[in-house]
Amino acid sequence: YEFMKEVAATGKPILFVGTKKQAQQAIMDEARRCGQYFVSERWLGGMLTNWTTVSQSIRRLKKMEHDIENAEKLGLTKKEVGVMTKEAEKLRDIFGGILEMHGVPQAMVVIDVPREMNAVREAKNLDIPTIAICDTNANPEMVDYPVPGNDDAARATQLYCDLFVDAILSGISRRTGSK
């Protein structure tokens, strides 16, 4: 809790990662509530370690969405718009929670360590501190700040996310209060 408060007080981004069905909605809602970033659909390998390629895909998504909005001005056919829309939806599912994240995060919150092992390894390679819910099937040594608990129940996941976000909001209010 204290670590999350400290990171939030610096104003640096925090990334929430939880792609299992029970965690997806809580991750999205709570990350948005505190103005942070999230990955809730699928973790792509290299999402952090290969940030330049990921940011190119995000720029491509933004350009596609702009082109779809201005399809008449650009003279695009219905079929072209349909194909672009379908591809944009797929990209938005993957990158929707990190569209405005500029660079790698300062910290990462992970809900299911075994399922998100690629994310944990990438964070470790980049020296990004990781806070994670560690169930009995998780190795807490892979994580900087393990939180023992059940990562399989939706209500438990919601509780953990609420606590993390409360810490983040407390850190943000401390930062804005000190200005």
N, C-alpha and C. Protein backbone atom coordinates (compact mmCIF):
# COMPACT_ATOMS: atom_id res chain seq x y z
N TYR A 1 0.84 -1.19 0.00
CA TYR A 1 0.00 0.00 0.00
C TYR A 1 0.88 1.25 0.00
N GLU A 2 1.87 1.26 0.88
CA GLU A 2 2.76 2.41 0.97
C GLU A 2 3.57 2.60 -0.32
N PHE A 3 4.03 1.48 -0.89
CA PHE A 3 4.77 1.57 -2.14
C PHE A 3 3.92 2.18 -3.24
N MET A 4 2.67 1.72 -3.36
CA MET A 4 1.77 2.24 -4.38
C MET A 4 1.54 3.74 -4.18
N LYS A 5 1.40 4.16 -2.92
CA LYS A 5 1.22 5.57 -2.62
C LYS A 5 2.44 6.38 -3.07
N GLU A 6 3.62 5.85 -2.79
CA GLU A 6 4.85 6.56 -3.17
C GLU A 6 4.97 6.70 -4.69
N VAL A 7 4.69 5.63 -5.42
CA VAL A 7 4.79 5.68 -6.88
C VAL A 7 3.77 6.68 -7.43
N ALA A 8 2.55 6.64 -6.93
CA ALA A 8 1.51 7.55 -7.41
C ALA A 8 1.86 8.99 -7.09
N ALA A 9 2.53 9.21 -5.96
CA ALA A 9 2.92 10.57 -5.59
C ALA A 9 3.95 11.15 -6.55
N THR A 10 4.72 10.30 -7.22
CA THR A 10 5.70 10.79 -8.19
C THR A 10 5.03 11.21 -9.50
N GLY A 11 3.82 10.73 -9.74
CA GLY A 11 3.11 11.08 -10.96
C GLY A 11 3.45 10.18 -12.14
N LYS A 12 4.24 9.15 -11.89
CA LYS A 12 4.62 8.23 -12.96
C LYS A 12 3.52 7.18 -13.17
N PRO A 13 3.42 6.61 -14.38
CA PRO A 13 2.34 5.67 -14.67
C PRO A 13 2.48 4.32 -13.97
N ILE A 14 1.32 3.73 -13.69
CA ILE A 14 1.24 2.39 -13.11
C ILE A 14 0.38 1.56 -14.06
N LEU A 15 0.82 0.35 -14.35
CA LEU A 15 0.13 -0.52 -15.28
C LEU A 15 -0.51 -1.68 -14.52
N PHE A 16 -1.81 -1.87 -14.73
CA PHE A 16 -2.55 -3.00 -14.17
C PHE A 16 -2.63 -4.08 -15.23
N VAL A 17 -2.33 -5.33 -14.85
CA VAL A 17 -2.38 -6.45 -15.78
C VAL A 17 -3.22 -7.56 -15.18
N GLY A 18 -4.27 -7.94 -15.89
CA GLY A 18 -5.13 -9.05 -15.47
C GLY A 18 -5.99 -9.48 -16.64
N THR A 19 -5.64 -10.58 -17.27
CA THR A 19 -6.36 -11.01 -18.47
C THR A 19 -7.34 -12.14 -18.22
N LYS A 20 -7.37 -12.68 -17.00
CA LYS A 20 -8.33 -13.75 -16.75
C LYS A 20 -9.73 -13.16 -16.64
N LYS A 21 -10.72 -13.93 -16.98
CA LYS A 21 -12.11 -13.46 -17.06
C LYS A 21 -12.57 -12.79 -15.77
N GLN A 22 -12.22 -13.38 -14.62
CA GLN A 22 -12.67 -12.84 -13.34
C GLN A 22 -12.07 -11.47 -13.03
N ALA A 23 -10.94 -11.14 -13.65
CA ALA A 23 -10.24 -9.90 -13.31
C ALA A 23 -10.44 -8.79 -14.33
N GLN A 24 -10.87 -9.11 -15.52
CA GLN A 24 -10.89 -8.13 -16.61
C GLN A 24 -11.68 -6.87 -16.27
N GLN A 25 -12.89 -7.02 -15.83
CA GLN A 25 -13.74 -5.85 -15.58
C GLN A 25 -13.21 -5.02 -14.42
N ALA A 26 -12.79 -5.68 -13.36
CA ALA A 26 -12.25 -4.96 -12.20
C ALA A 26 -11.00 -4.18 -12.60
N ILE A 27 -10.13 -4.81 -13.37
CA ILE A 27 -8.91 -4.14 -13.83
C ILE A 27 -9.26 -2.90 -14.63
N MET A 28 -10.15 -3.03 -15.60
CA MET A 28 -10.51 -1.89 -16.44
C MET A 28 -11.13 -0.76 -15.62
N ASP A 29 -12.12 -1.10 -14.81
CA ASP A 29 -12.84 -0.08 -14.04
C ASP A 29 -11.94 0.65 -13.06
N GLU A 30 -11.16 -0.11 -12.32
CA GLU A 30 -10.34 0.49 -11.27
C GLU A 30 -9.16 1.28 -11.86
N ALA A 31 -8.57 0.81 -12.93
CA ALA A 31 -7.48 1.56 -13.55
C ALA A 31 -8.01 2.89 -14.10
N ARG A 32 -9.18 2.84 -14.69
CA ARG A 32 -9.78 4.09 -15.20
C ARG A 32 -10.13 5.03 -14.05
N ARG A 33 -10.58 4.47 -12.93
CA ARG A 33 -10.99 5.29 -11.79
C ARG A 33 -9.83 6.13 -11.26
N CYS A 34 -8.63 5.59 -11.32
CA CYS A 34 -7.48 6.34 -10.80
C CYS A 34 -6.62 6.93 -11.92
N GLY A 35 -7.08 6.83 -13.17
CA GLY A 35 -6.36 7.45 -14.28
C GLY A 35 -5.07 6.73 -14.65
N GLN A 36 -5.03 5.42 -14.45
CA GLN A 36 -3.83 4.66 -14.79
C GLN A 36 -4.12 3.78 -16.01
N TYR A 37 -3.20 2.91 -16.34
CA TYR A 37 -3.26 2.12 -17.57
C TYR A 37 -3.48 0.65 -17.25
N PHE A 38 -3.97 -0.09 -18.24
CA PHE A 38 -4.29 -1.49 -17.99
C PHE A 38 -4.16 -2.33 -19.24
N VAL A 39 -3.95 -3.62 -19.04
CA VAL A 39 -4.01 -4.64 -20.08
C VAL A 39 -4.96 -5.69 -19.54
N SER A 40 -6.11 -5.85 -20.22
CA SER A 40 -7.11 -6.78 -19.71
C SER A 40 -7.49 -7.87 -20.71
N GLU A 41 -7.09 -7.74 -21.94
CA GLU A 41 -7.48 -8.74 -22.94
C GLU A 41 -6.39 -9.78 -23.18
N ARG A 42 -5.22 -9.32 -23.56
CA ARG A 42 -4.14 -10.25 -23.91
C ARG A 42 -2.81 -9.54 -23.77
N TRP A 43 -1.87 -10.20 -23.13
CA TRP A 43 -0.53 -9.64 -23.02
C TRP A 43 0.27 -10.08 -24.24
N LEU A 44 0.71 -9.13 -25.03
CA LEU A 44 1.55 -9.46 -26.17
C LEU A 44 3.00 -9.53 -25.71
N GLY A 45 3.70 -10.55 -26.14
CA GLY A 45 5.11 -10.65 -25.78
C GLY A 45 5.86 -9.43 -26.29
N GLY A 46 6.66 -8.82 -25.44
CA GLY A 46 7.41 -7.64 -25.82
C GLY A 46 6.65 -6.34 -25.64
N MET A 47 5.52 -6.40 -24.97
CA MET A 47 4.71 -5.19 -24.82
C MET A 47 5.48 -4.09 -24.09
N LEU A 48 6.36 -4.46 -23.19
CA LEU A 48 7.18 -3.47 -22.50
C LEU A 48 8.61 -3.43 -23.05
N THR A 49 9.20 -4.60 -23.26
CA THR A 49 10.59 -4.65 -23.70
C THR A 49 10.75 -4.17 -25.15
N ASN A 50 9.72 -4.23 -25.92
CA ASN A 50 9.77 -3.77 -27.31
C ASN A 50 8.77 -2.62 -27.49
N TRP A 51 8.87 -1.63 -26.62
CA TRP A 51 7.88 -0.54 -26.58
C TRP A 51 7.82 0.25 -27.89
N THR A 52 8.92 0.37 -28.61
CA THR A 52 8.89 1.16 -29.84
C THR A 52 7.96 0.53 -30.87
N THR A 53 7.97 -0.78 -30.99
CA THR A 53 7.07 -1.46 -31.92
C THR A 53 5.63 -1.34 -31.46
N VAL A 54 5.40 -1.48 -30.17
CA VAL A 54 4.04 -1.35 -29.63
C VAL A 54 3.52 0.06 -29.85
N SER A 55 4.35 1.06 -29.66
CA SER A 55 3.89 2.43 -29.86
C SER A 55 3.59 2.71 -31.33
N GLN A 56 4.28 2.03 -32.24
CA GLN A 56 3.95 2.16 -33.67
C GLN A 56 2.58 1.57 -33.94
N SER A 57 2.26 0.45 -33.32
CA SER A 57 0.93 -0.16 -33.49
C SER A 57 -0.15 0.75 -32.92
N ILE A 58 0.14 1.40 -31.82
CA ILE A 58 -0.83 2.33 -31.22
C ILE A 58 -1.05 3.52 -32.14
N ARG A 59 0.02 4.05 -32.73
CA ARG A 59 -0.12 5.16 -33.69
C ARG A 59 -0.94 4.72 -34.90
N ARG A 60 -0.70 3.49 -35.35
CA ARG A 60 -1.45 2.95 -36.49
C ARG A 60 -2.95 2.85 -36.15
N LEU A 61 -3.26 2.41 -34.94
CA LEU A 61 -4.65 2.32 -34.49
C LEU A 61 -5.29 3.71 -34.48
N LYS A 62 -4.59 4.70 -33.93
CA LYS A 62 -5.14 6.06 -33.88
C LYS A 62 -5.37 6.61 -35.29
N LYS A 63 -4.44 6.33 -36.22
CA LYS A 63 -4.60 6.79 -37.59
C LYS A 63 -5.81 6.11 -38.24
N MET A 64 -5.95 4.80 -38.00
CA MET A 64 -7.10 4.07 -38.56
C MET A 64 -8.41 4.65 -38.06
N GLU A 65 -8.48 4.92 -36.75
CA GLU A 65 -9.71 5.48 -36.19
C GLU A 65 -9.99 6.86 -36.77
N HIS A 66 -8.96 7.64 -37.00
CA HIS A 66 -9.13 8.95 -37.62
C HIS A 66 -9.64 8.79 -39.05
N ASP A 67 -9.06 7.84 -39.80
CA ASP A 67 -9.48 7.60 -41.18
C ASP A 67 -10.92 7.11 -41.25
N ILE A 68 -11.32 6.26 -40.31
CA ILE A 68 -12.70 5.75 -40.28
C ILE A 68 -13.67 6.90 -40.05
N GLU A 69 -13.32 7.82 -39.13
CA GLU A 69 -14.19 8.97 -38.86
C GLU A 69 -14.31 9.88 -40.08
N ASN A 70 -13.25 10.01 -40.85
CA ASN A 70 -13.23 10.89 -42.01
C ASN A 70 -13.29 10.11 -43.31
N ALA A 71 -14.00 9.00 -43.32
CA ALA A 71 -14.05 8.12 -44.49
C ALA A 71 -14.60 8.82 -45.72
N GLU A 72 -15.64 9.62 -45.55
CA GLU A 72 -16.23 10.32 -46.72
C GLU A 72 -15.23 11.30 -47.32
N LYS A 73 -14.57 12.07 -46.49
CA LYS A 73 -13.59 13.05 -46.98
C LYS A 73 -12.44 12.36 -47.71
N LEU A 74 -12.06 11.19 -47.20
CA LEU A 74 -10.94 10.44 -47.79
C LEU A 74 -11.36 9.61 -48.99
N GLY A 75 -12.66 9.49 -49.22
CA GLY A 75 -13.16 8.72 -50.35
C GLY A 75 -13.02 7.22 -50.18
N LEU A 76 -13.14 6.75 -48.96
CA LEU A 76 -13.04 5.31 -48.70
C LEU A 76 -14.36 4.62 -48.99
N THR A 77 -14.29 3.40 -49.51
CA THR A 77 -15.50 2.63 -49.79
C THR A 77 -16.00 1.98 -48.51
N LYS A 78 -17.23 1.47 -48.55
CA LYS A 78 -17.80 0.80 -47.38
C LYS A 78 -16.97 -0.42 -47.00
N LYS A 79 -16.50 -1.13 -48.01
CA LYS A 79 -15.70 -2.33 -47.74
C LYS A 79 -14.39 -1.94 -47.06
N GLU A 80 -13.73 -0.90 -47.53
CA GLU A 80 -12.48 -0.45 -46.91
C GLU A 80 -12.71 -0.03 -45.46
N VAL A 81 -13.81 0.68 -45.24
CA VAL A 81 -14.15 1.12 -43.88
C VAL A 81 -14.44 -0.09 -43.00
N GLY A 82 -15.15 -1.08 -43.54
CA GLY A 82 -15.46 -2.29 -42.78
C GLY A 82 -14.21 -3.06 -42.39
N VAL A 83 -13.29 -3.21 -43.31
CA VAL A 83 -12.03 -3.92 -43.03
C VAL A 83 -11.22 -3.15 -41.98
N MET A 84 -11.15 -1.82 -42.15
CA MET A 84 -10.41 -1.00 -41.18
C MET A 84 -11.06 -1.04 -39.80
N THR A 85 -12.39 -1.04 -39.76
CA THR A 85 -13.11 -1.08 -38.50
C THR A 85 -12.83 -2.38 -37.76
N LYS A 86 -12.85 -3.47 -38.49
CA LYS A 86 -12.60 -4.78 -37.88
C LYS A 86 -11.18 -4.84 -37.30
N GLU A 87 -10.20 -4.36 -38.06
CA GLU A 87 -8.82 -4.37 -37.58
C GLU A 87 -8.63 -3.42 -36.40
N ALA A 88 -9.29 -2.27 -36.47
CA ALA A 88 -9.20 -1.29 -35.38
C ALA A 88 -9.79 -1.85 -34.09
N GLU A 89 -10.88 -2.61 -34.20
CA GLU A 89 -11.49 -3.22 -33.01
C GLU A 89 -10.54 -4.22 -32.36
N LYS A 90 -9.86 -5.01 -33.18
CA LYS A 90 -8.90 -5.98 -32.64
C LYS A 90 -7.75 -5.26 -31.93
N LEU A 91 -7.24 -4.22 -32.56
CA LEU A 91 -6.15 -3.47 -31.94
C LEU A 91 -6.61 -2.75 -30.68
N ARG A 92 -7.83 -2.23 -30.69
CA ARG A 92 -8.35 -1.53 -29.51
C ARG A 92 -8.51 -2.51 -28.34
N ASP A 93 -8.92 -3.75 -28.62
CA ASP A 93 -9.02 -4.75 -27.55
C ASP A 93 -7.66 -4.97 -26.88
N ILE A 94 -6.63 -5.02 -27.68
CA ILE A 94 -5.30 -5.29 -27.15
C ILE A 94 -4.68 -4.05 -26.51
N PHE A 95 -4.75 -2.91 -27.19
CA PHE A 95 -4.05 -1.71 -26.75
C PHE A 95 -4.93 -0.65 -26.11
N GLY A 96 -6.22 -0.92 -25.94
CA GLY A 96 -7.16 0.09 -25.45
C GLY A 96 -6.78 0.71 -24.12
N GLY A 97 -6.20 -0.06 -23.23
CA GLY A 97 -5.86 0.45 -21.91
C GLY A 97 -4.52 1.15 -21.82
N ILE A 98 -3.72 1.08 -22.90
CA ILE A 98 -2.41 1.72 -22.87
C ILE A 98 -2.24 2.74 -23.99
N LEU A 99 -3.34 3.17 -24.60
CA LEU A 99 -3.27 4.10 -25.72
C LEU A 99 -2.53 5.39 -25.38
N GLU A 100 -2.74 5.90 -24.19
CA GLU A 100 -2.14 7.19 -23.82
C GLU A 100 -0.90 7.03 -22.94
N MET A 101 -0.43 5.80 -22.76
CA MET A 101 0.76 5.57 -21.94
C MET A 101 1.99 5.88 -22.79
N HIS A 102 2.78 6.82 -22.35
CA HIS A 102 3.97 7.23 -23.09
C HIS A 102 5.20 6.65 -22.38
N GLY A 103 5.70 5.55 -22.90
CA GLY A 103 6.86 4.90 -22.29
C GLY A 103 6.43 3.81 -21.32
N VAL A 104 7.43 3.19 -20.73
CA VAL A 104 7.16 2.09 -19.81
C VAL A 104 6.69 2.62 -18.45
N PRO A 105 5.91 1.83 -17.72
CA PRO A 105 5.38 2.29 -16.43
C PRO A 105 6.43 2.28 -15.33
N GLN A 106 6.11 2.95 -14.25
CA GLN A 106 6.98 3.00 -13.08
C GLN A 106 6.79 1.77 -12.19
N ALA A 107 5.56 1.21 -12.24
CA ALA A 107 5.24 0.01 -11.45
C ALA A 107 4.16 -0.77 -12.19
N MET A 108 4.04 -2.05 -11.81
CA MET A 108 3.04 -2.90 -12.46
C MET A 108 2.32 -3.73 -11.41
N VAL A 109 0.99 -3.80 -11.55
CA VAL A 109 0.16 -4.61 -10.67
C VAL A 109 -0.32 -5.81 -11.50
N VAL A 110 -0.08 -7.02 -10.98
CA VAL A 110 -0.45 -8.24 -11.70
C VAL A 110 -1.41 -9.04 -10.85
N ILE A 111 -2.48 -9.53 -11.46
CA ILE A 111 -3.48 -10.29 -10.72
C ILE A 111 -3.14 -11.77 -10.65
N ASP A 112 -2.73 -12.40 -11.71
CA ASP A 112 -2.46 -13.84 -11.71
C ASP A 112 -1.04 -14.08 -12.23
N VAL A 113 -0.09 -14.31 -11.35
CA VAL A 113 1.31 -14.41 -11.73
C VAL A 113 1.57 -15.54 -12.74
N PRO A 114 1.11 -16.77 -12.51
CA PRO A 114 1.42 -17.82 -13.50
C PRO A 114 0.85 -17.50 -14.89
N ARG A 115 -0.33 -16.94 -14.93
CA ARG A 115 -0.94 -16.62 -16.22
C ARG A 115 -0.22 -15.46 -16.91
N GLU A 116 0.26 -14.51 -16.14
CA GLU A 116 0.91 -13.31 -16.68
C GLU A 116 2.43 -13.38 -16.52
N MET A 117 2.98 -14.56 -16.60
CA MET A 117 4.42 -14.74 -16.38
C MET A 117 5.25 -13.93 -17.38
N ASN A 118 4.80 -13.83 -18.63
CA ASN A 118 5.55 -13.03 -19.60
C ASN A 118 5.62 -11.57 -19.18
N ALA A 119 4.53 -11.04 -18.66
CA ALA A 119 4.51 -9.66 -18.19
C ALA A 119 5.45 -9.49 -17.00
N VAL A 120 5.44 -10.44 -16.09
CA VAL A 120 6.30 -10.37 -14.91
C VAL A 120 7.78 -10.43 -15.34
N ARG A 121 8.10 -11.29 -16.28
CA ARG A 121 9.48 -11.41 -16.76
C ARG A 121 9.94 -10.12 -17.44
N GLU A 122 9.07 -9.54 -18.25
CA GLU A 122 9.42 -8.28 -18.91
C GLU A 122 9.66 -7.18 -17.88
N ALA A 123 8.81 -7.11 -16.88
CA ALA A 123 8.99 -6.11 -15.84
C ALA A 123 10.31 -6.32 -15.11
N LYS A 124 10.62 -7.57 -14.85
CA LYS A 124 11.89 -7.90 -14.17
C LYS A 124 13.09 -7.48 -15.03
N ASN A 125 13.01 -7.74 -16.34
CA ASN A 125 14.10 -7.36 -17.25
C ASN A 125 14.32 -5.85 -17.28
N LEU A 126 13.25 -5.08 -17.13
CA LEU A 126 13.33 -3.62 -17.19
C LEU A 126 13.42 -2.98 -15.81
N ASP A 127 13.56 -3.79 -14.77
CA ASP A 127 13.62 -3.31 -13.38
C ASP A 127 12.39 -2.49 -12.99
N ILE A 128 11.23 -2.94 -13.44
CA ILE A 128 9.96 -2.31 -13.05
C ILE A 128 9.44 -3.08 -11.85
N PRO A 129 9.24 -2.42 -10.71
CA PRO A 129 8.71 -3.12 -9.53
C PRO A 129 7.33 -3.70 -9.81
N THR A 130 7.10 -4.92 -9.34
CA THR A 130 5.85 -5.62 -9.58
C THR A 130 5.15 -5.93 -8.27
N ILE A 131 3.88 -5.57 -8.21
CA ILE A 131 3.02 -5.89 -7.09
C ILE A 131 2.05 -6.94 -7.62
N ALA A 132 1.93 -8.07 -6.96
CA ALA A 132 1.09 -9.13 -7.51
C ALA A 132 0.36 -9.90 -6.42
N ILE A 133 -0.84 -10.37 -6.79
CA ILE A 133 -1.59 -11.28 -5.95
C ILE A 133 -0.99 -12.66 -6.18
N CYS A 134 -0.52 -13.29 -5.13
CA CYS A 134 0.12 -14.60 -5.24
C CYS A 134 -0.73 -15.66 -4.57
N ASP A 135 -1.35 -16.47 -5.37
CA ASP A 135 -2.13 -17.61 -4.92
C ASP A 135 -1.15 -18.74 -4.60
N THR A 136 -1.66 -19.89 -4.20
CA THR A 136 -0.79 -21.02 -3.85
C THR A 136 -0.02 -21.55 -5.05
N ASN A 137 -0.49 -21.26 -6.27
CA ASN A 137 0.20 -21.76 -7.45
C ASN A 137 1.23 -20.77 -8.00
N ALA A 138 1.45 -19.64 -7.34
CA ALA A 138 2.37 -18.61 -7.82
C ALA A 138 3.68 -18.65 -7.05
N ASN A 139 4.75 -18.28 -7.73
CA ASN A 139 6.06 -18.18 -7.10
C ASN A 139 6.25 -16.73 -6.65
N PRO A 140 6.19 -16.47 -5.35
CA PRO A 140 6.31 -15.08 -4.88
C PRO A 140 7.70 -14.49 -5.07
N GLU A 141 8.69 -15.32 -5.34
CA GLU A 141 10.05 -14.82 -5.55
C GLU A 141 10.19 -14.07 -6.86
N MET A 142 9.27 -14.26 -7.79
CA MET A 142 9.31 -13.57 -9.08
C MET A 142 8.81 -12.13 -8.96
N VAL A 143 8.19 -11.81 -7.83
CA VAL A 143 7.50 -10.53 -7.67
C VAL A 143 8.20 -9.71 -6.59
N ASP A 144 8.24 -8.40 -6.77
CA ASP A 144 8.88 -7.53 -5.79
C ASP A 144 8.03 -7.35 -4.54
N TYR A 145 6.71 -7.20 -4.73
CA TYR A 145 5.79 -7.01 -3.60
C TYR A 145 4.64 -8.02 -3.72
N PRO A 146 4.85 -9.25 -3.21
CA PRO A 146 3.78 -10.25 -3.29
C PRO A 146 2.69 -9.98 -2.25
N VAL A 147 1.45 -10.16 -2.68
CA VAL A 147 0.30 -10.04 -1.78
C VAL A 147 -0.36 -11.41 -1.75
N PRO A 148 -0.28 -12.12 -0.61
CA PRO A 148 -0.89 -13.45 -0.56
C PRO A 148 -2.41 -13.33 -0.62
N GLY A 149 -3.01 -14.11 -1.50
CA GLY A 149 -4.46 -14.07 -1.60
C GLY A 149 -4.98 -14.88 -2.77
N ASN A 150 -6.29 -14.91 -2.86
CA ASN A 150 -6.98 -15.67 -3.90
C ASN A 150 -7.13 -14.80 -5.14
N ASP A 151 -6.53 -15.24 -6.25
CA ASP A 151 -6.66 -14.48 -7.49
C ASP A 151 -7.71 -15.08 -8.43
N ASP A 152 -8.44 -16.08 -7.95
CA ASP A 152 -9.41 -16.75 -8.80
C ASP A 152 -10.83 -16.21 -8.67
N ALA A 153 -11.16 -15.60 -7.56
CA ALA A 153 -12.53 -15.12 -7.33
C ALA A 153 -12.66 -13.66 -7.77
N ALA A 154 -13.75 -13.37 -8.45
CA ALA A 154 -13.99 -12.01 -8.95
C ALA A 154 -14.11 -11.01 -7.80
N ARG A 155 -14.78 -11.39 -6.73
CA ARG A 155 -14.95 -10.48 -5.59
C ARG A 155 -13.62 -10.19 -4.91
N ALA A 156 -12.77 -11.20 -4.80
CA ALA A 156 -11.45 -10.99 -4.20
C ALA A 156 -10.61 -10.07 -5.08
N THR A 157 -10.66 -10.29 -6.37
CA THR A 157 -9.93 -9.44 -7.31
C THR A 157 -10.40 -8.00 -7.20
N GLN A 158 -11.71 -7.82 -7.10
CA GLN A 158 -12.27 -6.48 -6.95
C GLN A 158 -11.76 -5.81 -5.67
N LEU A 159 -11.71 -6.58 -4.59
CA LEU A 159 -11.22 -6.05 -3.32
C LEU A 159 -9.76 -5.59 -3.44
N TYR A 160 -8.90 -6.42 -4.04
CA TYR A 160 -7.50 -6.05 -4.19
C TYR A 160 -7.36 -4.80 -5.06
N CYS A 161 -8.10 -4.76 -6.16
CA CYS A 161 -8.03 -3.59 -7.05
C CYS A 161 -8.50 -2.33 -6.32
N ASP A 162 -9.56 -2.45 -5.52
CA ASP A 162 -10.04 -1.30 -4.74
C ASP A 162 -8.93 -0.78 -3.82
N LEU A 163 -8.25 -1.69 -3.14
CA LEU A 163 -7.18 -1.29 -2.22
C LEU A 163 -6.02 -0.64 -2.96
N PHE A 164 -5.63 -1.22 -4.09
CA PHE A 164 -4.54 -0.64 -4.88
C PHE A 164 -4.91 0.77 -5.35
N VAL A 165 -6.13 0.91 -5.83
CA VAL A 165 -6.56 2.21 -6.33
C VAL A 165 -6.69 3.23 -5.21
N ASP A 166 -7.15 2.80 -4.05
CA ASP A 166 -7.21 3.72 -2.90
C ASP A 166 -5.81 4.24 -2.57
N ALA A 167 -4.81 3.36 -2.62
CA ALA A 167 -3.43 3.78 -2.37
C ALA A 167 -2.96 4.76 -3.44
N ILE A 168 -3.29 4.48 -4.69
CA ILE A 168 -2.89 5.37 -5.79
C ILE A 168 -3.55 6.73 -5.64
N LEU A 169 -4.85 6.73 -5.36
CA LEU A 169 -5.56 8.00 -5.19
C LEU A 169 -5.02 8.79 -4.01
N SER A 170 -4.63 8.09 -2.96
CA SER A 170 -4.04 8.76 -1.81
C SER A 170 -2.71 9.41 -2.19
N GLY A 171 -1.91 8.70 -2.97
CA GLY A 171 -0.63 9.26 -3.43
C GLY A 171 -0.82 10.43 -4.36
N ILE A 172 -1.82 10.34 -5.23
CA ILE A 172 -2.11 11.44 -6.16
C ILE A 172 -2.57 12.67 -5.39
N SER A 173 -3.44 12.47 -4.40
CA SER A 173 -3.93 13.62 -3.63
C SER A 173 -2.80 14.23 -2.82
N ARG A 174 -1.87 13.41 -2.35
CA ARG A 174 -0.71 13.94 -1.63
C ARG A 174 0.14 14.80 -2.56
N ARG A 175 0.31 14.32 -3.81
CA ARG A 175 1.10 15.07 -4.79
C ARG A 175 0.43 16.38 -5.15
N THR A 176 -0.85 16.36 -5.42
CA THR A 176 -1.55 17.58 -5.82
C THR A 176 -1.73 18.52 -4.64
N GLY A 177 -1.79 17.97 -3.44
CA GLY A 177 -1.92 18.80 -2.25
C GLY A 177 -0.64 19.52 -1.91
N SER A 178 0.49 18.94 -2.33
CA SER A 178 1.77 19.56 -2.00
C SER A 178 2.16 20.66 -2.98
N LYS A 179 1.45 20.75 -4.12
CA LYS A 179 1.78 21.79 -5.11
C LYS A 179 1.23 23.11 -4.71
